Every structure is written in C-alpha cells, then in structure tokens.
C-alpha cells in the first residue's frame, strides 16, 4: 500500500480545523446559555427568558453537535484508510 499523500494529510487537516471551529461555536452557545441562566437567577419573572431557558440547549446546538459527531466519524474513517492496521 502506498503511503498517504500530501492531499490526504491536507484533507484531514481541513476536517480537524472545521471540527475545531464547530467546537468553538458550541462553546460560544453554551456561554450564551450560562448568561441567560445568570440573568434568570436575578430576574426569574422574565417570561421571555424563561421561555428561552425551557428550550435549551436549542436547535442550533443540537445541529452543530450532530454535525461535529459525524465529522469526527469521517476523520476517524479517513485516518483508518490512510493508516490501515498492519497485517501480521
């Protein structure tokens, strides 16, 4: 089997970069959720914020999480293709 090409490494690097960005996006969303909860601790009567809190973690977080999980599976598959187990 031929060694992985430069393009193989670049493709995995791009996927890792994209996964890192998605994790930053999720971290930002979680920070916003924490801010919302802190606001509600001070003003629990705020109906709009209470409505938002009931919907947490929210569709955008779920979509980003699912995309990230699938991307991680793709990275794993690509690395296994690039570096198959050695036969004894």
PDB file of N, CA and C in Angstrom:
ATOM      1  N   UNK A   1       0.841  -1.181   0.000  1.00  0.00           N
ATOM      2  CA  UNK A   1       0.000   0.000   0.000  1.00  0.00           C
ATOM      3  C   UNK A   1       0.884   1.242   0.000  1.00  0.00           C
ATOM      4  N   UNK A   2       0.487   2.212  -0.797  1.00  0.00           N
ATOM      5  CA  UNK A   2       1.241   3.467  -0.901  1.00  0.00           C
ATOM      6  C   UNK A   2       1.035   4.313   0.351  1.00  0.00           C
ATOM      7  N   UNK A   3       2.040   5.064   0.746  1.00  0.00           N
ATOM      8  CA  UNK A   3       1.877   5.941   1.912  1.00  0.00           C
ATOM      9  C   UNK A   3       0.856   7.043   1.615  1.00  0.00           C
ATOM     10  N   UNK A   4       0.274   7.616   2.653  1.00  0.00           N
ATOM     11  CA  UNK A   4      -0.688   8.697   2.433  1.00  0.00           C
ATOM     12  C   UNK A   4      -0.043   9.861   1.695  1.00  0.00           C
ATOM     13  N   UNK A   5      -0.817  10.492   0.845  1.00  0.00           N
ATOM     14  CA  UNK A   5      -0.309  11.617   0.058  1.00  0.00           C
ATOM     15  C   UNK A   5      -0.429  12.918   0.843  1.00  0.00           C
ATOM     16  N   UNK A   6       0.215  13.934   0.311  1.00  0.00           N
ATOM     17  CA  UNK A   6       0.090  15.268   0.917  1.00  0.00           C
ATOM     18  C   UNK A   6      -1.370  15.711   0.939  1.00  0.00           C
ATOM     19  N   UNK A   7      -2.094  15.386  -0.132  1.00  0.00           N
ATOM     20  CA  UNK A   7      -3.515  15.751  -0.201  1.00  0.00           C
ATOM     21  C   UNK A   7      -4.320  15.043   0.887  1.00  0.00           C
ATOM     22  N   UNK A   8      -3.982  13.785   1.181  1.00  0.00           N
ATOM     23  CA  UNK A   8      -4.657  13.065   2.264  1.00  0.00           C
ATOM     24  C   UNK A   8      -4.475  13.818   3.585  1.00  0.00           C
ATOM     25  N   UNK A   9      -3.246  14.226   3.870  1.00  0.00           N
ATOM     26  CA  UNK A   9      -2.966  14.952   5.110  1.00  0.00           C
ATOM     27  C   UNK A   9      -3.670  16.304   5.138  1.00  0.00           C
ATOM     28  N   UNK A  10      -3.693  17.002   3.997  1.00  0.00           N
ATOM     29  CA  UNK A  10      -4.380  18.292   3.930  1.00  0.00           C
ATOM     30  C   UNK A  10      -5.879  18.132   4.163  1.00  0.00           C
ATOM     31  N   UNK A  11      -6.466  17.066   3.611  1.00  0.00           N
ATOM     32  CA  UNK A  11      -7.905  16.830   3.781  1.00  0.00           C
ATOM     33  C   UNK A  11      -8.241  16.588   5.256  1.00  0.00           C
ATOM     34  N   UNK A  12      -7.442  15.783   5.923  1.00  0.00           N
ATOM     35  CA  UNK A  12      -7.686  15.527   7.344  1.00  0.00           C
ATOM     36  C   UNK A  12      -7.463  16.809   8.149  1.00  0.00           C
ATOM     37  N   UNK A  13      -6.451  17.568   7.803  1.00  0.00           N
ATOM     38  CA  UNK A  13      -6.201  18.821   8.498  1.00  0.00           C
ATOM     39  C   UNK A  13      -7.384  19.780   8.343  1.00  0.00           C
ATOM     40  N   UNK A  14      -7.961  19.859   7.150  1.00  0.00           N
ATOM     41  CA  UNK A  14      -9.139  20.717   6.930  1.00  0.00           C
ATOM     42  C   UNK A  14     -10.311  20.240   7.784  1.00  0.00           C
ATOM     43  N   UNK A  15     -10.512  18.929   7.843  1.00  0.00           N
ATOM     44  CA  UNK A  15     -11.607  18.390   8.654  1.00  0.00           C
ATOM     45  C   UNK A  15     -11.378  18.685  10.137  1.00  0.00           C
ATOM     46  N   UNK A  16     -10.144  18.542  10.606  1.00  0.00           N
ATOM     47  CA  UNK A  16      -9.837  18.852  12.007  1.00  0.00           C
ATOM     48  C   UNK A  16     -10.063  20.333  12.295  1.00  0.00           C
ATOM     49  N   UNK A  17      -9.685  21.186  11.363  1.00  0.00           N
ATOM     50  CA  UNK A  17      -9.900  22.616  11.521  1.00  0.00           C
ATOM     51  C   UNK A  17     -11.395  22.916  11.603  1.00  0.00           C
ATOM     52  N   UNK A  18     -12.174  22.306  10.745  1.00  0.00           N
ATOM     53  CA  UNK A  18     -13.622  22.513  10.755  1.00  0.00           C
ATOM     54  C   UNK A  18     -14.227  22.020  12.072  1.00  0.00           C
ATOM     55  N   UNK A  19     -13.746  20.887  12.563  1.00  0.00           N
ATOM     56  CA  UNK A  19     -14.240  20.345  13.829  1.00  0.00           C
ATOM     57  C   UNK A  19     -13.904  21.299  14.978  1.00  0.00           C
ATOM     58  N   UNK A  20     -12.725  21.874  14.949  1.00  0.00           N
ATOM     59  CA  UNK A  20     -12.332  22.824  15.978  1.00  0.00           C
ATOM     60  C   UNK A  20     -13.255  24.045  15.956  1.00  0.00           C
ATOM     61  N   UNK A  21     -13.575  24.542  14.777  1.00  0.00           N
ATOM     62  CA  UNK A  21     -14.471  25.694  14.649  1.00  0.00           C
ATOM     63  C   UNK A  21     -15.850  25.352  15.218  1.00  0.00           C
ATOM     64  N   UNK A  22     -16.340  24.161  14.925  1.00  0.00           N
ATOM     65  CA  UNK A  22     -17.656  23.747  15.433  1.00  0.00           C
ATOM     66  C   UNK A  22     -17.642  23.666  16.955  1.00  0.00           C
ATOM     67  N   UNK A  23     -16.555  23.204  17.530  1.00  0.00           N
ATOM     68  CA  UNK A  23     -16.461  23.148  18.987  1.00  0.00           C
ATOM     69  C   UNK A  23     -16.435  24.558  19.583  1.00  0.00           C
ATOM     70  N   UNK A  24     -15.763  25.489  18.925  1.00  0.00           N
ATOM     71  CA  UNK A  24     -15.778  26.883  19.383  1.00  0.00           C
ATOM     72  C   UNK A  24     -17.196  27.450  19.305  1.00  0.00           C
ATOM     73  N   UNK A  25     -17.922  27.110  18.223  1.00  0.00           N
ATOM     74  CA  UNK A  25     -19.307  27.574  18.087  1.00  0.00           C
ATOM     75  C   UNK A  25     -20.162  27.031  19.226  1.00  0.00           C
ATOM     76  N   UNK A  26     -20.002  25.749  19.546  1.00  0.00           N
ATOM     77  CA  UNK A  26     -20.775  25.166  20.638  1.00  0.00           C
ATOM     78  C   UNK A  26     -20.398  25.802  21.970  1.00  0.00           C
ATOM     79  N   UNK A  27     -19.119  26.067  22.182  1.00  0.00           N
ATOM     80  CA  UNK A  27     -18.685  26.704  23.418  1.00  0.00           C
ATOM     81  C   UNK A  27     -19.299  28.101  23.542  1.00  0.00           C
ATOM     82  N   UNK A  28     -19.372  28.817  22.429  1.00  0.00           N
ATOM     83  CA  UNK A  28     -19.989  30.146  22.439  1.00  0.00           C
ATOM     84  C   UNK A  28     -21.470  30.040  22.807  1.00  0.00           C
ATOM     85  N   UNK A  29     -22.161  29.078  22.223  1.00  0.00           N
ATOM     86  CA  UNK A  29     -23.574  28.878  22.547  1.00  0.00           C
ATOM     87  C   UNK A  29     -23.754  28.547  24.027  1.00  0.00           C
ATOM     88  N   UNK A  30     -22.905  27.683  24.546  1.00  0.00           N
ATOM     89  CA  UNK A  30     -23.000  27.335  25.965  1.00  0.00           C
ATOM     90  C   UNK A  30     -22.759  28.550  26.849  1.00  0.00           C
ATOM     91  N   UNK A  31     -21.842  29.410  26.449  1.00  0.00           N
ATOM     92  CA  UNK A  31     -21.618  30.650  27.186  1.00  0.00           C
ATOM     93  C   UNK A  31     -22.861  31.527  27.198  1.00  0.00           C
ATOM     94  N   UNK A  32     -23.542  31.601  26.056  1.00  0.00           N
ATOM     95  CA  UNK A  32     -24.781  32.374  25.984  1.00  0.00           C
ATOM     96  C   UNK A  32     -25.851  31.759  26.886  1.00  0.00           C
ATOM     97  N   UNK A  33     -25.923  30.436  26.930  1.00  0.00           N
ATOM     98  CA  UNK A  33     -26.901  29.762  27.784  1.00  0.00           C
ATOM     99  C   UNK A  33     -26.602  30.059  29.263  1.00  0.00           C
ATOM    100  N   UNK A  34     -25.337  30.055  29.626  1.00  0.00           N
ATOM    101  CA  UNK A  34     -24.959  30.359  31.011  1.00  0.00           C
ATOM    102  C   UNK A  34     -25.335  31.802  31.361  1.00  0.00           C
ATOM    103  N   UNK A  35     -25.118  32.719  30.426  1.00  0.00           N
ATOM    104  CA  UNK A  35     -25.510  34.110  30.664  1.00  0.00           C
ATOM    105  C   UNK A  35     -27.017  34.224  30.866  1.00  0.00           C
ATOM    106  N   UNK A  36     -27.772  33.503  30.062  1.00  0.00           N
ATOM    107  CA  UNK A  36     -29.226  33.507  30.189  1.00  0.00           C
ATOM    108  C   UNK A  36     -29.652  33.003  31.568  1.00  0.00           C
ATOM    109  N   UNK A  37     -29.040  31.917  32.014  1.00  0.00           N
ATOM    110  CA  UNK A  37     -29.381  31.383  33.327  1.00  0.00           C
ATOM    111  C   UNK A  37     -28.988  32.346  34.445  1.00  0.00           C
ATOM    112  N   UNK A  38     -27.876  33.025  34.303  1.00  0.00           N
ATOM    113  CA  UNK A  38     -27.469  34.012  35.302  1.00  0.00           C
ATOM    114  C   UNK A  38     -28.478  35.159  35.349  1.00  0.00           C
ATOM    115  N   UNK A  39     -28.949  35.582  34.182  1.00  0.00           N
ATOM    116  CA  UNK A  39     -29.983  36.627  34.141  1.00  0.00           C
ATOM    117  C   UNK A  39     -31.257  36.154  34.829  1.00  0.00           C
ATOM    118  N   UNK A  40     -31.628  34.911  34.601  1.00  0.00           N
ATOM    119  CA  UNK A  40     -32.843  34.375  35.215  1.00  0.00           C
ATOM    120  C   UNK A  40     -32.701  34.208  36.726  1.00  0.00           C
ATOM    121  N   UNK A  41     -31.493  33.971  37.181  1.00  0.00           N
ATOM    122  CA  UNK A  41     -31.279  33.866  38.626  1.00  0.00           C
ATOM    123  C   UNK A  41     -31.593  35.209  39.303  1.00  0.00           C
ATOM    124  N   UNK A  42     -31.264  36.288  38.600  1.00  0.00           N
ATOM    125  CA  UNK A  42     -31.526  37.621  39.133  1.00  0.00           C
ATOM    126  C   UNK A  42     -32.967  38.073  38.874  1.00  0.00           C
ATOM    127  N   UNK A  43     -33.542  37.638  37.742  1.00  0.00           N
ATOM    128  CA  UNK A  43     -34.891  38.061  37.360  1.00  0.00           C
ATOM    129  C   UNK A  43     -35.712  36.850  36.899  1.00  0.00           C
ATOM    130  N   UNK A  44     -36.092  35.958  37.819  1.00  0.00           N
ATOM    131  CA  UNK A  44     -36.807  34.733  37.428  1.00  0.00           C
ATOM    132  C   UNK A  44     -38.199  34.990  36.848  1.00  0.00           C
ATOM    133  N   UNK A  45     -38.728  36.188  36.990  1.00  0.00           N
ATOM    134  CA  UNK A  45     -40.058  36.502  36.477  1.00  0.00           C
ATOM    135  C   UNK A  45     -40.056  36.880  34.998  1.00  0.00           C
ATOM    136  N   UNK A  46     -38.874  36.974  34.379  1.00  0.00           N
ATOM    137  CA  UNK A  46     -38.781  37.354  32.967  1.00  0.00           C
ATOM    138  C   UNK A  46     -39.328  36.218  32.106  1.00  0.00           C
ATOM    139  N   UNK A  47     -40.547  36.413  31.580  1.00  0.00           N
ATOM    140  CA  UNK A  47     -41.239  35.348  30.848  1.00  0.00           C
ATOM    141  C   UNK A  47     -40.531  34.969  29.543  1.00  0.00           C
ATOM    142  N   UNK A  48     -40.007  35.956  28.844  1.00  0.00           N
ATOM    143  CA  UNK A  48     -39.330  35.669  27.569  1.00  0.00           C
ATOM    144  C   UNK A  48     -38.072  34.833  27.806  1.00  0.00           C
ATOM    145  N   UNK A  49     -37.290  35.214  28.788  1.00  0.00           N
ATOM    146  CA  UNK A  49     -36.069  34.463  29.081  1.00  0.00           C
ATOM    147  C   UNK A  49     -36.396  33.084  29.661  1.00  0.00           C
ATOM    148  N   UNK A  50     -37.472  32.997  30.418  1.00  0.00           N
ATOM    149  CA  UNK A  50     -37.899  31.686  30.931  1.00  0.00           C
ATOM    150  C   UNK A  50     -38.289  30.765  29.779  1.00  0.00           C
ATOM    151  N   UNK A  51     -38.980  31.331  28.794  1.00  0.00           N
ATOM    152  CA  UNK A  51     -39.369  30.546  27.616  1.00  0.00           C
ATOM    153  C   UNK A  51     -38.131  30.055  26.875  1.00  0.00           C
ATOM    154  N   UNK A  52     -37.144  30.925  26.714  1.00  0.00           N
ATOM    155  CA  UNK A  52     -35.901  30.526  26.052  1.00  0.00           C
ATOM    156  C   UNK A  52     -35.177  29.434  26.837  1.00  0.00           C
ATOM    157  N   UNK A  53     -35.155  29.573  28.160  1.00  0.00           N
ATOM    158  CA  UNK A  53     -34.453  28.591  29.000  1.00  0.00           C
ATOM    159  C   UNK A  53     -35.085  27.206  28.877  1.00  0.00           C
ATOM    160  N   UNK A  54     -36.398  27.153  28.760  1.00  0.00           N
ATOM    161  CA  UNK A  54     -37.072  25.854  28.620  1.00  0.00           C
ATOM    162  C   UNK A  54     -36.673  25.133  27.337  1.00  0.00           C
ATOM    163  N   UNK A  55     -36.244  25.884  26.334  1.00  0.00           N
ATOM    164  CA  UNK A  55     -35.888  25.295  25.035  1.00  0.00           C
ATOM    165  C   UNK A  55     -34.404  24.918  24.935  1.00  0.00           C
ATOM    166  N   UNK A  56     -33.636  25.186  25.996  1.00  0.00           N
ATOM    167  CA  UNK A  56     -32.197  24.890  25.927  1.00  0.00           C
ATOM    168  C   UNK A  56     -31.958  23.397  25.886  1.00  0.00           C
ATOM    169  N   UNK A  57     -30.905  22.892  25.229  1.00  0.00           N
ATOM    170  CA  UNK A  57     -29.833  23.700  24.667  1.00  0.00           C
ATOM    171  C   UNK A  57     -30.126  24.277  23.301  1.00  0.00           C
ATOM    172  N   UNK A  58     -31.231  24.021  22.699  1.00  0.00           N
ATOM    173  CA  UNK A  58     -31.602  24.694  21.464  1.00  0.00           C
ATOM    174  C   UNK A  58     -31.216  23.927  20.212  1.00  0.00           C
ATOM    175  N   UNK A  59     -31.946  24.235  19.152  1.00  0.00           N
ATOM    176  CA  UNK A  59     -31.777  23.531  17.880  1.00  0.00           C
ATOM    177  C   UNK A  59     -30.398  23.755  17.271  1.00  0.00           C
ATOM    178  N   UNK A  60     -29.902  24.983  17.340  1.00  0.00           N
ATOM    179  CA  UNK A  60     -28.596  25.262  16.731  1.00  0.00           C
ATOM    180  C   UNK A  60     -27.501  24.431  17.391  1.00  0.00           C
ATOM    181  N   UNK A  61     -27.570  24.302  18.719  1.00  0.00           N
ATOM    182  CA  UNK A  61     -26.584  23.485  19.420  1.00  0.00           C
ATOM    183  C   UNK A  61     -26.706  22.027  18.979  1.00  0.00           C
ATOM    184  N   UNK A  62     -27.922  21.511  18.914  1.00  0.00           N
ATOM    185  CA  UNK A  62     -28.119  20.111  18.526  1.00  0.00           C
ATOM    186  C   UNK A  62     -27.622  19.842  17.106  1.00  0.00           C
ATOM    187  N   UNK A  63     -27.910  20.761  16.195  1.00  0.00           N
ATOM    188  CA  UNK A  63     -27.454  20.599  14.812  1.00  0.00           C
ATOM    189  C   UNK A  63     -25.929  20.624  14.750  1.00  0.00           C
ATOM    190  N   UNK A  64     -25.318  21.571  15.448  1.00  0.00           N
ATOM    191  CA  UNK A  64     -23.853  21.673  15.446  1.00  0.00           C
ATOM    192  C   UNK A  64     -23.220  20.448  16.091  1.00  0.00           C
ATOM    193  N   UNK A  65     -23.825  19.967  17.175  1.00  0.00           N
ATOM    194  CA  UNK A  65     -23.318  18.769  17.850  1.00  0.00           C
ATOM    195  C   UNK A  65     -23.384  17.553  16.931  1.00  0.00           C
ATOM    196  N   UNK A  66     -24.510  17.366  16.260  1.00  0.00           N
ATOM    197  CA  UNK A  66     -24.671  16.226  15.350  1.00  0.00           C
ATOM    198  C   UNK A  66     -23.691  16.323  14.189  1.00  0.00           C
ATOM    199  N   UNK A  67     -23.539  17.521  13.629  1.00  0.00           N
ATOM    200  CA  UNK A  67     -22.585  17.720  12.543  1.00  0.00           C
ATOM    201  C   UNK A  67     -21.176  17.389  13.011  1.00  0.00           C
ATOM    202  N   UNK A  68     -20.824  17.843  14.214  1.00  0.00           N
ATOM    203  CA  UNK A  68     -19.484  17.588  14.761  1.00  0.00           C
ATOM    204  C   UNK A  68     -19.252  16.095  14.969  1.00  0.00           C
ATOM    205  N   UNK A  69     -20.250  15.405  15.486  1.00  0.00           N
ATOM    206  CA  UNK A  69     -20.118  13.958  15.711  1.00  0.00           C
ATOM    207  C   UNK A  69     -19.899  13.236  14.381  1.00  0.00           C
ATOM    208  N   UNK A  70     -20.647  13.614  13.355  1.00  0.00           N
ATOM    209  CA  UNK A  70     -20.480  12.994  12.043  1.00  0.00           C
ATOM    210  C   UNK A  70     -19.129  13.336  11.430  1.00  0.00           C
ATOM    211  N   UNK A  71     -18.685  14.562  11.622  1.00  0.00           N
ATOM    212  CA  UNK A  71     -17.378  14.963  11.109  1.00  0.00           C
ATOM    213  C   UNK A  71     -16.273  14.172  11.799  1.00  0.00           C
ATOM    214  N   UNK A  72     -16.394  13.967  13.106  1.00  0.00           N
ATOM    215  CA  UNK A  72     -15.396  13.185  13.844  1.00  0.00           C
ATOM    216  C   UNK A  72     -15.356  11.749  13.329  1.00  0.00           C
ATOM    217  N   UNK A  73     -16.507  11.186  13.008  1.00  0.00           N
ATOM    218  CA  UNK A  73     -16.541   9.837  12.423  1.00  0.00           C
ATOM    219  C   UNK A  73     -15.834   9.825  11.065  1.00  0.00           C
ATOM    220  N   UNK A  74     -16.042  10.872  10.286  1.00  0.00           N
ATOM    221  CA  UNK A  74     -15.370  10.968   8.987  1.00  0.00           C
ATOM    222  C   UNK A  74     -13.863  11.074   9.129  1.00  0.00           C
ATOM    223  N   UNK A  75     -13.409  11.831  10.113  1.00  0.00           N
ATOM    224  CA  UNK A  75     -11.970  11.950  10.368  1.00  0.00           C
ATOM    225  C   UNK A  75     -11.400  10.593  10.749  1.00  0.00           C
ATOM    226  N   UNK A  76     -12.091   9.911  11.629  1.00  0.00           N
ATOM    227  CA  UNK A  76     -11.637   8.585  12.060  1.00  0.00           C
ATOM    228  C   UNK A  76     -11.555   7.622  10.882  1.00  0.00           C
ATOM    229  N   UNK A  77     -12.567   7.640  10.040  1.00  0.00           N
ATOM    230  CA  UNK A  77     -12.574   6.753   8.870  1.00  0.00           C
ATOM    231  C   UNK A  77     -11.426   7.085   7.921  1.00  0.00           C
ATOM    232  N   UNK A  78     -11.195   8.368   7.714  1.00  0.00           N
ATOM    233  CA  UNK A  78     -10.119   8.778   6.803  1.00  0.00           C
ATOM    234  C   UNK A  78      -8.758   8.364   7.355  1.00  0.00           C
ATOM    235  N   UNK A  79      -8.551   8.522   8.664  1.00  0.00           N
ATOM    236  CA  UNK A  79      -7.275   8.117   9.261  1.00  0.00           C
ATOM    237  C   UNK A  79      -7.092   6.605   9.205  1.00  0.00           C
ATOM    238  N   UNK A  80      -8.163   5.855   9.374  1.00  0.00           N
ATOM    239  CA  UNK A  80      -8.062   4.389   9.255  1.00  0.00           C
ATOM    240  C   UNK A  80      -7.744   3.985   7.817  1.00  0.00           C
ATOM    241  N   UNK A  81      -8.276   4.734   6.857  1.00  0.00           N
ATOM    242  CA  UNK A  81      -7.969   4.456   5.456  1.00  0.00           C
ATOM    243  C   UNK A  81      -6.509   4.770   5.171  1.00  0.00           C
ATOM    244  N   UNK A  82      -6.040   5.888   5.730  1.00  0.00           N
ATOM    245  CA  UNK A  82      -4.661   6.290   5.496  1.00  0.00           C
ATOM    246  C   UNK A  82      -3.663   5.380   6.198  1.00  0.00           C
ATOM    247  N   UNK A  83      -4.043   4.873   7.346  1.00  0.00           N
ATOM    248  CA  UNK A  83      -3.143   4.055   8.157  1.00  0.00           C
ATOM    249  C   UNK A  83      -3.850   2.760   8.578  1.00  0.00           C
ATOM    250  N   UNK A  84      -4.024   1.854   7.609  1.00  0.00           N
ATOM    251  CA  UNK A  84      -4.713   0.605   7.928  1.00  0.00           C
ATOM    252  C   UNK A  84      -3.879  -0.240   8.895  1.00  0.00           C
ATOM    253  N   UNK A  85      -4.561  -1.129   9.632  1.00  0.00           N
ATOM    254  CA  UNK A  85      -3.810  -1.998  10.539  1.00  0.00           C
ATOM    255  C   UNK A  85      -2.798  -2.837   9.769  1.00  0.00           C
ATOM    256  N   UNK A  86      -1.687  -3.046  10.396  1.00  0.00           N
ATOM    257  CA  UNK A  86      -0.653  -3.871   9.760  1.00  0.00           C
ATOM    258  C   UNK A  86      -1.034  -5.339   9.880  1.00  0.00           C
ATOM    259  N   UNK A  87      -0.794  -6.030   8.809  1.00  0.00           N
ATOM    260  CA  UNK A  87      -1.050  -7.483   8.835  1.00  0.00           C
ATOM    261  C   UNK A  87       0.140  -8.203   9.406  1.00  0.00           C
ATOM    262  N   UNK A  88      -0.146  -9.217  10.233  1.00  0.00           N
ATOM    263  CA  UNK A  88       0.941  -9.992  10.841  1.00  0.00           C
ATOM    264  C   UNK A  88       1.518 -10.998   9.898  1.00  0.00           C
TER     265      UNK A  88
END
